[in-house]
């Protein structure tokens, strides 16, 4: 029987109803969570670490970088065949992607959670835990990077997003579809991925702001971020990455101050690139020295920028990483 390290962080999967407020709150410790699903012990031998017991909205990128070190330590043991992380669903995609960028391992790392608390009749946590372990012990799960297992589906961390607030099918892989599925016959994969490039850093820069643009936006938020001393910016722009001319002056200021500005799209699918030369008025968008994030959404592009700044890379090196090295 394979030995799996289980790291719990909290989230809905470990929550229950507060009898006074009727809201769901943290209830189960990591040990309680595993004991509530005795079937898990028939699949693998489990070793538990309770990292936290928090709603995932309270986690931070630096906490996830600390979590990655626990995963590395676990996988350094020859006895451990894989790692299962339980997590709240609200920021699960960000944790999964950050781990995918910093971990370099052939052994499976799977993240799961639940959209329903354990006390609800429609609770999905038990099934997600069982299917996550089934995925980890499946030989074909090696060399696929960090995986997310929810609702009978297997998603690659680089593509997965939460697309609904609370439906059981809340997660989808944008642009690609899920990488696999789990049914009564076992674990099935649909396609393979190029190996993700690893960002080797022990630090990240958390002073990176994300600003969403809407029609008629001015540049006050960008200027305020620059006044605040921001180290990097991610702008969620329109369509292919078009920008209103009202923010051009702030982008030119960022260029002068050597602050990298990464452009993503508010569209759910597709890539960003420089096509519309007239979109910023008289100034060609190339003159603002912005960096296009390919098909990454804004939250994932922010994580990449945080890690690259933590590595001490220059703006040109960051641009090359987004354009040439990053596997999307």
C-alpha atoms as a PDB file:
ATOM      1  CA  UNK A   1       0.000   0.000   0.000  1.00  0.00           C
ATOM      2  CA  UNK A   2       1.435   3.388  -1.032  1.00  0.00           C
ATOM      3  CA  UNK A   3       2.160   6.048   1.570  1.00  0.00           C
ATOM      4  CA  UNK A   4       0.618   9.482   0.923  1.00  0.00           C
ATOM      5  CA  UNK A   5       1.286  12.715   2.783  1.00  0.00           C
ATOM      6  CA  UNK A   6      -1.927  14.636   3.465  1.00  0.00           C
ATOM      7  CA  UNK A   7      -1.636  18.363   4.204  1.00  0.00           C
ATOM      8  CA  UNK A   8      -4.826  20.082   5.357  1.00  0.00           C
ATOM      9  CA  UNK A   9      -5.314  23.839   5.159  1.00  0.00           C
ATOM     10  CA  UNK A  10      -9.029  24.205   5.966  1.00  0.00           C
ATOM     11  CA  UNK A  11     -11.822  25.369   3.701  1.00  0.00           C
ATOM     12  CA  UNK A  12     -15.414  24.227   3.240  1.00  0.00           C
ATOM     13  CA  UNK A  13     -14.356  20.573   3.200  1.00  0.00           C
ATOM     14  CA  UNK A  14     -13.559  20.945   6.917  1.00  0.00           C
ATOM     15  CA  UNK A  15     -16.455  23.242   7.840  1.00  0.00           C
ATOM     16  CA  UNK A  16     -19.839  22.714   9.440  1.00  0.00           C
ATOM     17  CA  UNK A  17     -22.852  24.752  10.502  1.00  0.00           C
ATOM     18  CA  UNK A  18     -22.727  27.075  13.485  1.00  0.00           C
ATOM     19  CA  UNK A  19     -25.940  26.405  15.421  1.00  0.00           C
ATOM     20  CA  UNK A  20     -26.315  30.033  16.469  1.00  0.00           C
ATOM     21  CA  UNK A  21     -25.647  31.867  13.197  1.00  0.00           C
ATOM     22  CA  UNK A  22     -26.440  28.990  10.771  1.00  0.00           C
ATOM     23  CA  UNK A  23     -23.333  29.997   8.830  1.00  0.00           C
ATOM     24  CA  UNK A  24     -20.606  27.486   8.080  1.00  0.00           C
ATOM     25  CA  UNK A  25     -17.417  27.793  10.111  1.00  0.00           C
ATOM     26  CA  UNK A  26     -14.257  25.679  10.620  1.00  0.00           C
ATOM     27  CA  UNK A  27     -15.221  22.511  12.488  1.00  0.00           C
ATOM     28  CA  UNK A  28     -12.961  19.581  11.582  1.00  0.00           C
ATOM     29  CA  UNK A  29      -9.285  19.277  12.346  1.00  0.00           C
ATOM     30  CA  UNK A  30      -7.174  17.478   9.781  1.00  0.00           C
ATOM     31  CA  UNK A  31      -7.399  14.315  11.874  1.00  0.00           C
ATOM     32  CA  UNK A  32     -11.188  14.649  12.196  1.00  0.00           C
ATOM     33  CA  UNK A  33     -11.475  15.141   8.428  1.00  0.00           C
ATOM     34  CA  UNK A  34      -9.576  11.955   7.601  1.00  0.00           C
ATOM     35  CA  UNK A  35     -11.379   9.972  10.305  1.00  0.00           C
ATOM     36  CA  UNK A  36     -14.722  11.023   8.798  1.00  0.00           C
ATOM     37  CA  UNK A  37     -13.857   9.072   5.640  1.00  0.00           C
ATOM     38  CA  UNK A  38     -12.609   5.644   6.815  1.00  0.00           C
ATOM     39  CA  UNK A  39     -12.574   4.388   3.202  1.00  0.00           C
ATOM     40  CA  UNK A  40      -9.378   6.396   2.679  1.00  0.00           C
ATOM     41  CA  UNK A  41      -7.405   3.872   4.744  1.00  0.00           C
ATOM     42  CA  UNK A  42      -8.310   1.149   2.232  1.00  0.00           C
ATOM     43  CA  UNK A  43      -6.621   3.103  -0.558  1.00  0.00           C
ATOM     44  CA  UNK A  44      -3.323   4.258   0.918  1.00  0.00           C
ATOM     45  CA  UNK A  45      -1.354   4.690   4.132  1.00  0.00           C
ATOM     46  CA  UNK A  46      -1.789   8.320   5.188  1.00  0.00           C
ATOM     47  CA  UNK A  47       0.517  10.675   7.046  1.00  0.00           C
ATOM     48  CA  UNK A  48      -1.096  13.927   8.166  1.00  0.00           C
ATOM     49  CA  UNK A  49       0.141  17.491   8.518  1.00  0.00           C
ATOM     50  CA  UNK A  50      -2.381  20.173   9.508  1.00  0.00           C
ATOM     51  CA  UNK A  51      -0.903  23.342   8.046  1.00  0.00           C
ATOM     52  CA  UNK A  52      -3.882  25.575   8.888  1.00  0.00           C
ATOM     53  CA  UNK A  53      -7.643  25.505   9.307  1.00  0.00           C
ATOM     54  CA  UNK A  54      -8.661  28.629   7.430  1.00  0.00           C
ATOM     55  CA  UNK A  55     -11.128  29.810   4.865  1.00  0.00           C
ATOM     56  CA  UNK A  56      -8.932  30.046   1.768  1.00  0.00           C
ATOM     57  CA  UNK A  57      -9.749  33.752   1.423  1.00  0.00           C
ATOM     58  CA  UNK A  58      -7.434  34.243   4.426  1.00  0.00           C
ATOM     59  CA  UNK A  59      -4.401  32.556   2.884  1.00  0.00           C
ATOM     60  CA  UNK A  60      -1.576  34.602   1.347  1.00  0.00           C
ATOM     61  CA  UNK A  61       0.990  33.913  -1.389  1.00  0.00           C
ATOM     62  CA  UNK A  62       3.746  33.789   1.223  1.00  0.00           C
ATOM     63  CA  UNK A  63       1.795  31.146   3.145  1.00  0.00           C
ATOM     64  CA  UNK A  64       1.498  29.084  -0.034  1.00  0.00           C
ATOM     65  CA  UNK A  65       5.242  29.397  -0.617  1.00  0.00           C
ATOM     66  CA  UNK A  66       5.699  28.025   2.929  1.00  0.00           C
ATOM     67  CA  UNK A  67       3.258  25.245   2.046  1.00  0.00           C
ATOM     68  CA  UNK A  68       5.384  24.390  -0.996  1.00  0.00           C
ATOM     69  CA  UNK A  69       8.346  23.780   1.302  1.00  0.00           C
ATOM     70  CA  UNK A  70       6.299  21.235   3.270  1.00  0.00           C
ATOM     71  CA  UNK A  71       5.421  19.508  -0.001  1.00  0.00           C
ATOM     72  CA  UNK A  72       9.091  19.447  -1.054  1.00  0.00           C
ATOM     73  CA  UNK A  73      10.102  17.988   2.313  1.00  0.00           C
ATOM     74  CA  UNK A  74       7.429  15.296   2.013  1.00  0.00           C
ATOM     75  CA  UNK A  75       8.425  14.332  -1.527  1.00  0.00           C
ATOM     76  CA  UNK A  76      12.096  14.180  -0.537  1.00  0.00           C
ATOM     77  CA  UNK A  77      11.250  10.974   1.358  1.00  0.00           C
ATOM     78  CA  UNK A  78      11.463   7.837  -0.774  1.00  0.00           C
ATOM     79  CA  UNK A  79       8.574   6.392   1.244  1.00  0.00           C
ATOM     80  CA  UNK A  80       6.114   9.060   0.051  1.00  0.00           C
ATOM     81  CA  UNK A  81       4.424   8.382  -3.298  1.00  0.00           C
ATOM     82  CA  UNK A  82       2.503  11.635  -3.512  1.00  0.00           C
ATOM     83  CA  UNK A  83       0.929  14.536  -1.652  1.00  0.00           C
ATOM     84  CA  UNK A  84      -2.741  15.393  -1.156  1.00  0.00           C
ATOM     85  CA  UNK A  85      -3.643  18.927  -0.083  1.00  0.00           C
ATOM     86  CA  UNK A  86      -7.112  19.891   1.123  1.00  0.00           C
ATOM     87  CA  UNK A  87      -8.018  23.513   0.498  1.00  0.00           C
ATOM     88  CA  UNK A  88     -10.870  25.979   0.309  1.00  0.00           C
ATOM     89  CA  UNK A  89     -12.176  26.421  -3.217  1.00  0.00           C
ATOM     90  CA  UNK A  90     -12.187  30.232  -3.376  1.00  0.00           C
ATOM     91  CA  UNK A  91      -8.424  30.549  -3.927  1.00  0.00           C
ATOM     92  CA  UNK A  92      -7.647  26.925  -4.742  1.00  0.00           C
ATOM     93  CA  UNK A  93      -6.678  27.700  -8.341  1.00  0.00           C
ATOM     94  CA  UNK A  94      -4.064  30.208  -7.187  1.00  0.00           C
ATOM     95  CA  UNK A  95      -2.497  27.823  -4.687  1.00  0.00           C
ATOM     96  CA  UNK A  96      -2.460  25.046  -7.277  1.00  0.00           C
ATOM     97  CA  UNK A  97      -0.765  27.244  -9.869  1.00  0.00           C
ATOM     98  CA  UNK A  98       1.829  28.696  -7.499  1.00  0.00           C
ATOM     99  CA  UNK A  99       2.757  25.168  -6.407  1.00  0.00           C
ATOM    100  CA  UNK A 100       2.918  24.077 -10.042  1.00  0.00           C
ATOM    101  CA  UNK A 101       5.458  26.824 -10.704  1.00  0.00           C
ATOM    102  CA  UNK A 102       7.787  26.104  -7.781  1.00  0.00           C
ATOM    103  CA  UNK A 103       7.641  22.306  -7.453  1.00  0.00           C
ATOM    104  CA  UNK A 104       9.842  20.069  -9.596  1.00  0.00           C
ATOM    105  CA  UNK A 105       8.723  16.492  -8.995  1.00  0.00           C
ATOM    106  CA  UNK A 106       7.494  13.516 -10.962  1.00  0.00           C
ATOM    107  CA  UNK A 107       5.317  12.316  -8.083  1.00  0.00           C
ATOM    108  CA  UNK A 108       1.680  13.430  -8.050  1.00  0.00           C
ATOM    109  CA  UNK A 109       0.604  16.466  -6.048  1.00  0.00           C
ATOM    110  CA  UNK A 110      -3.180  16.751  -5.902  1.00  0.00           C
ATOM    111  CA  UNK A 111      -5.304  19.531  -4.416  1.00  0.00           C
ATOM    112  CA  UNK A 112      -8.944  19.026  -3.570  1.00  0.00           C
ATOM    113  CA  UNK A 113     -11.712  20.691  -1.585  1.00  0.00           C
ATOM    114  CA  UNK A 114     -15.475  20.797  -1.415  1.00  0.00           C
ATOM    115  CA  UNK A 115     -18.336  23.064  -2.407  1.00  0.00           C
ATOM    116  CA  UNK A 116     -20.520  21.730   0.408  1.00  0.00           C
ATOM    117  CA  UNK A 117     -19.685  21.435   4.119  1.00  0.00           C
ATOM    118  CA  UNK A 118     -19.508  17.942   5.632  1.00  0.00           C
ATOM    119  CA  UNK A 119     -22.888  18.256   7.382  1.00  0.00           C
ATOM    120  CA  UNK A 120     -24.873  19.031   4.209  1.00  0.00           C
ATOM    121  CA  UNK A 121     -26.822  16.269   2.482  1.00  0.00           C
ATOM    122  CA  UNK A 122     -25.142  17.120  -0.828  1.00  0.00           C
ATOM    123  CA  UNK A 123     -21.620  17.188   0.659  1.00  0.00           C
ATOM    124  CA  UNK A 124     -18.996  16.369  -1.960  1.00  0.00           C
ATOM    125  CA  UNK A 125     -15.942  16.288   0.290  1.00  0.00           C
ATOM    126  CA  UNK A 126     -15.892  12.525   0.885  1.00  0.00           C
ATOM    127  CA  UNK A 127     -16.016  11.655  -2.816  1.00  0.00           C
ATOM    128  CA  UNK A 128     -13.376  14.269  -3.650  1.00  0.00           C
ATOM    129  CA  UNK A 129     -10.999  12.870  -1.034  1.00  0.00           C
ATOM    130  CA  UNK A 130     -11.439   9.298  -2.246  1.00  0.00           C
ATOM    131  CA  UNK A 131     -11.005  10.245  -5.899  1.00  0.00           C
ATOM    132  CA  UNK A 132      -7.951  12.361  -5.102  1.00  0.00           C
ATOM    133  CA  UNK A 133      -6.214   9.383  -3.515  1.00  0.00           C
ATOM    134  CA  UNK A 134      -7.226   7.197  -6.460  1.00  0.00           C
ATOM    135  CA  UNK A 135      -5.611   9.766  -8.740  1.00  0.00           C
ATOM    136  CA  UNK A 136      -2.380   9.871  -6.728  1.00  0.00           C
ATOM    137  CA  UNK A 137      -1.876   6.096  -6.726  1.00  0.00           C
ATOM    138  CA  UNK A 138      -2.615   5.839 -10.466  1.00  0.00           C
ATOM    139  CA  UNK A 139       0.770   5.274 -12.218  1.00  0.00           C
ATOM    140  CA  UNK A 140      -0.185   7.541 -15.138  1.00  0.00           C
ATOM    141  CA  UNK A 141      -0.537  10.492 -12.741  1.00  0.00           C
ATOM    142  CA  UNK A 142       3.233  10.954 -12.616  1.00  0.00           C
ATOM    143  CA  UNK A 143       4.907  13.851 -14.447  1.00  0.00           C
ATOM    144  CA  UNK A 144       1.703  15.847 -14.892  1.00  0.00           C
ATOM    145  CA  UNK A 145       2.481  18.724 -12.546  1.00  0.00           C
ATOM    146  CA  UNK A 146       0.072  19.794  -9.834  1.00  0.00           C
ATOM    147  CA  UNK A 147      -3.444  18.438 -10.348  1.00  0.00           C
ATOM    148  CA  UNK A 148      -6.835  19.527  -9.025  1.00  0.00           C
ATOM    149  CA  UNK A 149      -9.424  16.809  -8.407  1.00  0.00           C
ATOM    150  CA  UNK A 150     -13.056  17.806  -7.895  1.00  0.00           C
ATOM    151  CA  UNK A 151     -16.429  16.440  -8.993  1.00  0.00           C
ATOM    152  CA  UNK A 152     -15.030  13.403 -10.871  1.00  0.00           C
ATOM    153  CA  UNK A 153     -12.738  15.641 -12.927  1.00  0.00           C
ATOM    154  CA  UNK A 154      -8.957  16.053 -13.008  1.00  0.00           C
ATOM    155  CA  UNK A 155      -7.646  19.496 -13.938  1.00  0.00           C
ATOM    156  CA  UNK A 156      -4.135  20.745 -14.630  1.00  0.00           C
ATOM    157  CA  UNK A 157      -3.216  23.606 -12.311  1.00  0.00           C
ATOM    158  CA  UNK A 158      -2.109  25.820 -15.197  1.00  0.00           C
ATOM    159  CA  UNK A 159      -5.599  25.808 -16.752  1.00  0.00           C
ATOM    160  CA  UNK A 160      -8.111  25.392 -13.914  1.00  0.00           C
ATOM    161  CA  UNK A 161     -10.405  28.193 -12.748  1.00  0.00           C
ATOM    162  CA  UNK A 162     -13.402  28.448 -10.470  1.00  0.00           C
ATOM    163  CA  UNK A 163     -16.250  29.409 -12.784  1.00  0.00           C
ATOM    164  CA  UNK A 164     -19.254  29.233 -10.439  1.00  0.00           C
ATOM    165  CA  UNK A 165     -19.661  30.385  -6.856  1.00  0.00           C
ATOM    166  CA  UNK A 166     -21.089  27.175  -5.368  1.00  0.00           C
ATOM    167  CA  UNK A 167     -22.241  24.556  -7.881  1.00  0.00           C
ATOM    168  CA  UNK A 168     -20.598  21.137  -7.607  1.00  0.00           C
ATOM    169  CA  UNK A 169     -19.239  21.651 -11.132  1.00  0.00           C
ATOM    170  CA  UNK A 170     -17.701  24.978 -10.071  1.00  0.00           C
ATOM    171  CA  UNK A 171     -14.297  24.270 -11.657  1.00  0.00           C
ATOM    172  CA  UNK A 172     -13.350  24.142 -15.319  1.00  0.00           C
ATOM    173  CA  UNK A 173     -10.146  24.182 -17.348  1.00  0.00           C
ATOM    174  CA  UNK A 174     -10.234  27.286 -19.505  1.00  0.00           C
ATOM    175  CA  UNK A 175      -9.147  26.923 -23.155  1.00  0.00           C
ATOM    176  CA  UNK A 176      -8.468  23.183 -22.820  1.00  0.00           C
ATOM    177  CA  UNK A 177     -11.014  21.222 -20.799  1.00  0.00           C
ATOM    178  CA  UNK A 178     -10.121  18.856 -17.965  1.00  0.00           C
ATOM    179  CA  UNK A 179      -7.018  16.684 -18.315  1.00  0.00           C
ATOM    180  CA  UNK A 180      -8.813  13.572 -17.061  1.00  0.00           C
ATOM    181  CA  UNK A 181     -11.670  12.018 -15.140  1.00  0.00           C
ATOM    182  CA  UNK A 182     -12.429   9.395 -12.520  1.00  0.00           C
ATOM    183  CA  UNK A 183     -15.235   6.830 -12.758  1.00  0.00           C
ATOM    184  CA  UNK A 184     -16.045   3.310 -11.541  1.00  0.00           C
ATOM    185  CA  UNK A 185     -13.428   1.910 -13.916  1.00  0.00           C
ATOM    186  CA  UNK A 186     -10.608   4.075 -12.624  1.00  0.00           C
ATOM    187  CA  UNK A 187      -8.601   7.146 -13.575  1.00  0.00           C
ATOM    188  CA  UNK A 188      -8.489   8.228 -17.222  1.00  0.00           C
ATOM    189  CA  UNK A 189      -6.334  10.921 -18.872  1.00  0.00           C
ATOM    190  CA  UNK A 190      -7.253  12.677 -22.110  1.00  0.00           C
ATOM    191  CA  UNK A 191      -4.014  14.438 -23.061  1.00  0.00           C
ATOM    192  CA  UNK A 192      -0.434  15.080 -21.905  1.00  0.00           C
ATOM    193  CA  UNK A 193       1.246  18.375 -21.067  1.00  0.00           C
ATOM    194  CA  UNK A 194       4.695  19.810 -21.586  1.00  0.00           C
ATOM    195  CA  UNK A 195       6.595  19.903 -18.313  1.00  0.00           C
ATOM    196  CA  UNK A 196       6.068  23.164 -16.489  1.00  0.00           C
ATOM    197  CA  UNK A 197       9.140  25.327 -16.070  1.00  0.00           C
ATOM    198  CA  UNK A 198      10.189  25.628 -12.422  1.00  0.00           C
ATOM    199  CA  UNK A 199      10.822  29.018 -10.833  1.00  0.00           C
ATOM    200  CA  UNK A 200      13.569  28.376  -8.295  1.00  0.00           C
ATOM    201  CA  UNK A 201      13.052  30.951  -5.577  1.00  0.00           C
ATOM    202  CA  UNK A 202      12.721  30.972  -1.817  1.00  0.00           C
ATOM    203  CA  UNK A 203      11.046  34.382  -1.850  1.00  0.00           C
ATOM    204  CA  UNK A 204       8.251  36.211  -3.632  1.00  0.00           C
ATOM    205  CA  UNK A 205       7.356  39.875  -3.948  1.00  0.00           C
ATOM    206  CA  UNK A 206       3.876  40.375  -2.529  1.00  0.00           C
ATOM    207  CA  UNK A 207       3.639  44.100  -3.343  1.00  0.00           C
ATOM    208  CA  UNK A 208       2.110  43.356  -6.748  1.00  0.00           C
ATOM    209  CA  UNK A 209      -1.328  44.849  -7.402  1.00  0.00           C
ATOM    210  CA  UNK A 210      -4.057  43.625  -9.754  1.00  0.00           C
ATOM    211  CA  UNK A 211      -6.384  46.204 -11.339  1.00  0.00           C
ATOM    212  CA  UNK A 212      -9.416  45.351 -13.450  1.00  0.00           C
ATOM    213  CA  UNK A 213     -10.315  47.799 -16.218  1.00  0.00           C
ATOM    214  CA  UNK A 214     -13.839  48.723 -17.248  1.00  0.00           C
ATOM    215  CA  UNK A 215     -15.197  51.082 -19.867  1.00  0.00           C
ATOM    216  CA  UNK A 216     -14.381  54.681 -19.006  1.00  0.00           C
ATOM    217  CA  UNK A 217     -11.736  53.889 -16.372  1.00  0.00           C
ATOM    218  CA  UNK A 218      -9.190  56.588 -15.620  1.00  0.00           C
ATOM    219  CA  UNK A 219      -5.715  55.917 -14.224  1.00  0.00           C
ATOM    220  CA  UNK A 220      -6.240  56.886 -10.574  1.00  0.00           C
ATOM    221  CA  UNK A 221      -5.818  53.358  -9.231  1.00  0.00           C
ATOM    222  CA  UNK A 222      -2.654  52.835 -11.265  1.00  0.00           C
ATOM    223  CA  UNK A 223      -1.214  56.190 -10.156  1.00  0.00           C
ATOM    224  CA  UNK A 224      -2.108  55.425  -6.532  1.00  0.00           C
ATOM    225  CA  UNK A 225      -0.358  52.060  -6.777  1.00  0.00           C
ATOM    226  CA  UNK A 226       2.758  53.721  -8.140  1.00  0.00           C
ATOM    227  CA  UNK A 227       2.604  56.335  -5.378  1.00  0.00           C
ATOM    228  CA  UNK A 228       2.357  53.479  -2.881  1.00  0.00           C
ATOM    229  CA  UNK A 229       5.609  51.991  -4.175  1.00  0.00           C
ATOM    230  CA  UNK A 230       4.191  48.960  -5.955  1.00  0.00           C
ATOM    231  CA  UNK A 231       6.840  46.601  -7.354  1.00  0.00           C
ATOM    232  CA  UNK A 232       4.684  45.206 -10.149  1.00  0.00           C
ATOM    233  CA  UNK A 233       1.260  45.637 -11.720  1.00  0.00           C
ATOM    234  CA  UNK A 234      -1.173  43.318 -13.475  1.00  0.00           C
ATOM    235  CA  UNK A 235      -3.914  44.957 -15.524  1.00  0.00           C
ATOM    236  CA  UNK A 236      -6.969  42.973 -16.572  1.00  0.00           C
ATOM    237  CA  UNK A 237      -7.618  44.683 -19.892  1.00  0.00           C
ATOM    238  CA  UNK A 238     -10.127  44.341 -22.722  1.00  0.00           C
ATOM    239  CA  UNK A 239     -10.267  41.715 -25.464  1.00  0.00           C
ATOM    240  CA  UNK A 240      -6.854  40.932 -26.920  1.00  0.00           C
ATOM    241  CA  UNK A 241      -5.269  43.325 -24.423  1.00  0.00           C
ATOM    242  CA  UNK A 242      -6.520  46.717 -25.577  1.00  0.00           C
ATOM    243  CA  UNK A 243      -6.299  49.653 -23.191  1.00  0.00           C
ATOM    244  CA  UNK A 244      -8.046  53.041 -22.907  1.00  0.00           C
ATOM    245  CA  UNK A 245      -5.872  56.044 -23.738  1.00  0.00           C
ATOM    246  CA  UNK A 246      -6.814  57.529 -20.350  1.00  0.00           C
ATOM    247  CA  UNK A 247      -4.273  55.245 -18.632  1.00  0.00           C
ATOM    248  CA  UNK A 248      -1.352  55.759 -21.040  1.00  0.00           C
ATOM    249  CA  UNK A 249       0.324  58.451 -18.933  1.00  0.00           C
ATOM    250  CA  UNK A 250       0.407  56.120 -15.915  1.00  0.00           C
ATOM    251  CA  UNK A 251       1.896  53.324 -18.033  1.00  0.00           C
ATOM    252  CA  UNK A 252       4.610  55.660 -19.278  1.00  0.00           C
ATOM    253  CA  UNK A 253       5.294  56.595 -15.649  1.00  0.00           C
ATOM    254  CA  UNK A 254       5.593  52.909 -14.747  1.00  0.00           C
ATOM    255  CA  UNK A 255       8.022  52.461 -17.632  1.00  0.00           C
ATOM    256  CA  UNK A 256      10.139  55.368 -16.390  1.00  0.00           C
ATOM    257  CA  UNK A 257      10.160  53.933 -12.868  1.00  0.00           C
ATOM    258  CA  UNK A 258      11.044  50.452 -14.220  1.00  0.00           C
ATOM    259  CA  UNK A 259       7.881  48.868 -12.785  1.00  0.00           C
ATOM    260  CA  UNK A 260       6.798  45.829 -14.848  1.00  0.00           C
ATOM    261  CA  UNK A 261       3.186  46.011 -16.017  1.00  0.00           C
ATOM    262  CA  UNK A 262       1.637  42.734 -17.179  1.00  0.00           C
ATOM    263  CA  UNK A 263      -1.489  42.734 -19.355  1.00  0.00           C
ATOM    264  CA  UNK A 264      -4.174  40.037 -19.227  1.00  0.00           C
ATOM    265  CA  UNK A 265      -7.727  39.917 -20.586  1.00  0.00           C
ATOM    266  CA  UNK A 266     -11.052  40.021 -18.788  1.00  0.00           C
ATOM    267  CA  UNK A 267     -12.266  37.475 -21.380  1.00  0.00           C
ATOM    268  CA  UNK A 268     -12.491  33.936 -20.031  1.00  0.00           C
ATOM    269  CA  UNK A 269     -10.695  32.356 -22.987  1.00  0.00           C
ATOM    270  CA  UNK A 270      -8.091  33.312 -25.563  1.00  0.00           C
ATOM    271  CA  UNK A 271      -4.730  35.101 -25.511  1.00  0.00           C
ATOM    272  CA  UNK A 272      -3.549  38.689 -25.328  1.00  0.00           C
ATOM    273  CA  UNK A 273      -1.128  40.242 -27.814  1.00  0.00           C
ATOM    274  CA  UNK A 274      -0.407  43.558 -29.495  1.00  0.00           C
ATOM    275  CA  UNK A 275      -2.709  43.863 -32.523  1.00  0.00           C
ATOM    276  CA  UNK A 276      -4.688  47.108 -32.259  1.00  0.00           C
ATOM    277  CA  UNK A 277      -2.184  49.904 -32.837  1.00  0.00           C
ATOM    278  CA  UNK A 278      -4.759  52.677 -32.377  1.00  0.00           C
ATOM    279  CA  UNK A 279      -6.179  51.455 -29.088  1.00  0.00           C
ATOM    280  CA  UNK A 280      -4.194  53.877 -26.941  1.00  0.00           C
ATOM    281  CA  UNK A 281      -4.664  56.979 -29.064  1.00  0.00           C
ATOM    282  CA  UNK A 282      -1.537  58.592 -30.474  1.00  0.00           C
ATOM    283  CA  UNK A 283       0.778  56.445 -28.349  1.00  0.00           C
ATOM    284  CA  UNK A 284       1.575  53.033 -29.748  1.00  0.00           C
ATOM    285  CA  UNK A 285       1.004  50.452 -27.042  1.00  0.00           C
ATOM    286  CA  UNK A 286       4.547  49.120 -27.555  1.00  0.00           C
ATOM    287  CA  UNK A 287       5.915  52.462 -26.327  1.00  0.00           C
ATOM    288  CA  UNK A 288       4.475  51.785 -22.871  1.00  0.00           C
ATOM    289  CA  UNK A 289       6.747  48.732 -22.492  1.00  0.00           C
ATOM    290  CA  UNK A 290       3.978  46.485 -21.168  1.00  0.00           C
ATOM    291  CA  UNK A 291       4.284  42.699 -20.971  1.00  0.00           C
ATOM    292  CA  UNK A 292       1.604  40.444 -22.482  1.00  0.00           C
ATOM    293  CA  UNK A 293       0.635  37.401 -20.381  1.00  0.00           C
ATOM    294  CA  UNK A 294      -0.456  35.012 -23.138  1.00  0.00           C
ATOM    295  CA  UNK A 295      -3.519  33.050 -22.068  1.00  0.00           C
ATOM    296  CA  UNK A 296      -2.971  33.417 -18.318  1.00  0.00           C
ATOM    297  CA  UNK A 297      -5.769  35.016 -16.363  1.00  0.00           C
ATOM    298  CA  UNK A 298      -4.998  37.961 -14.123  1.00  0.00           C
ATOM    299  CA  UNK A 299      -4.665  36.076 -10.813  1.00  0.00           C
ATOM    300  CA  UNK A 300      -2.234  33.539 -12.262  1.00  0.00           C
ATOM    301  CA  UNK A 301      -0.214  36.193 -14.089  1.00  0.00           C
ATOM    302  CA  UNK A 302       0.122  38.012 -10.763  1.00  0.00           C
ATOM    303  CA  UNK A 303       1.575  34.901  -9.123  1.00  0.00           C
ATOM    304  CA  UNK A 304       4.132  34.499 -11.904  1.00  0.00           C
ATOM    305  CA  UNK A 305       5.145  38.138 -11.562  1.00  0.00           C
ATOM    306  CA  UNK A 306       5.452  37.786  -7.770  1.00  0.00           C
ATOM    307  CA  UNK A 307       7.761  34.802  -8.103  1.00  0.00           C
ATOM    308  CA  UNK A 308       9.912  36.353 -10.831  1.00  0.00           C
ATOM    309  CA  UNK A 309      10.326  39.555  -8.839  1.00  0.00           C
ATOM    310  CA  UNK A 310      11.182  37.421  -5.813  1.00  0.00           C
ATOM    311  CA  UNK A 311      13.873  35.830  -7.946  1.00  0.00           C
ATOM    312  CA  UNK A 312      15.269  39.295  -8.662  1.00  0.00           C
ATOM    313  CA  UNK A 313      14.724  39.247 -12.434  1.00  0.00           C
ATOM    314  CA  UNK A 314      14.832  42.412 -14.533  1.00  0.00           C
ATOM    315  CA  UNK A 315      11.874  43.615 -16.586  1.00  0.00           C
ATOM    316  CA  UNK A 316      13.410  42.236 -19.785  1.00  0.00           C
ATOM    317  CA  UNK A 317      13.997  38.865 -18.142  1.00  0.00           C
ATOM    318  CA  UNK A 318      10.407  38.865 -16.920  1.00  0.00           C
ATOM    319  CA  UNK A 319       9.205  39.635 -20.449  1.00  0.00           C
ATOM    320  CA  UNK A 320      11.248  36.752 -21.863  1.00  0.00           C
ATOM    321  CA  UNK A 321       9.870  34.389 -19.231  1.00  0.00           C
ATOM    322  CA  UNK A 322       6.262  35.226 -20.090  1.00  0.00           C
ATOM    323  CA  UNK A 323       6.969  35.019 -23.801  1.00  0.00           C
ATOM    324  CA  UNK A 324       9.328  32.071 -24.128  1.00  0.00           C
ATOM    325  CA  UNK A 325       9.610  29.907 -21.031  1.00  0.00           C
ATOM    326  CA  UNK A 326       6.209  29.742 -19.384  1.00  0.00           C
ATOM    327  CA  UNK A 327       4.131  26.647 -20.210  1.00  0.00           C
ATOM    328  CA  UNK A 328       0.479  27.572 -20.618  1.00  0.00           C
END
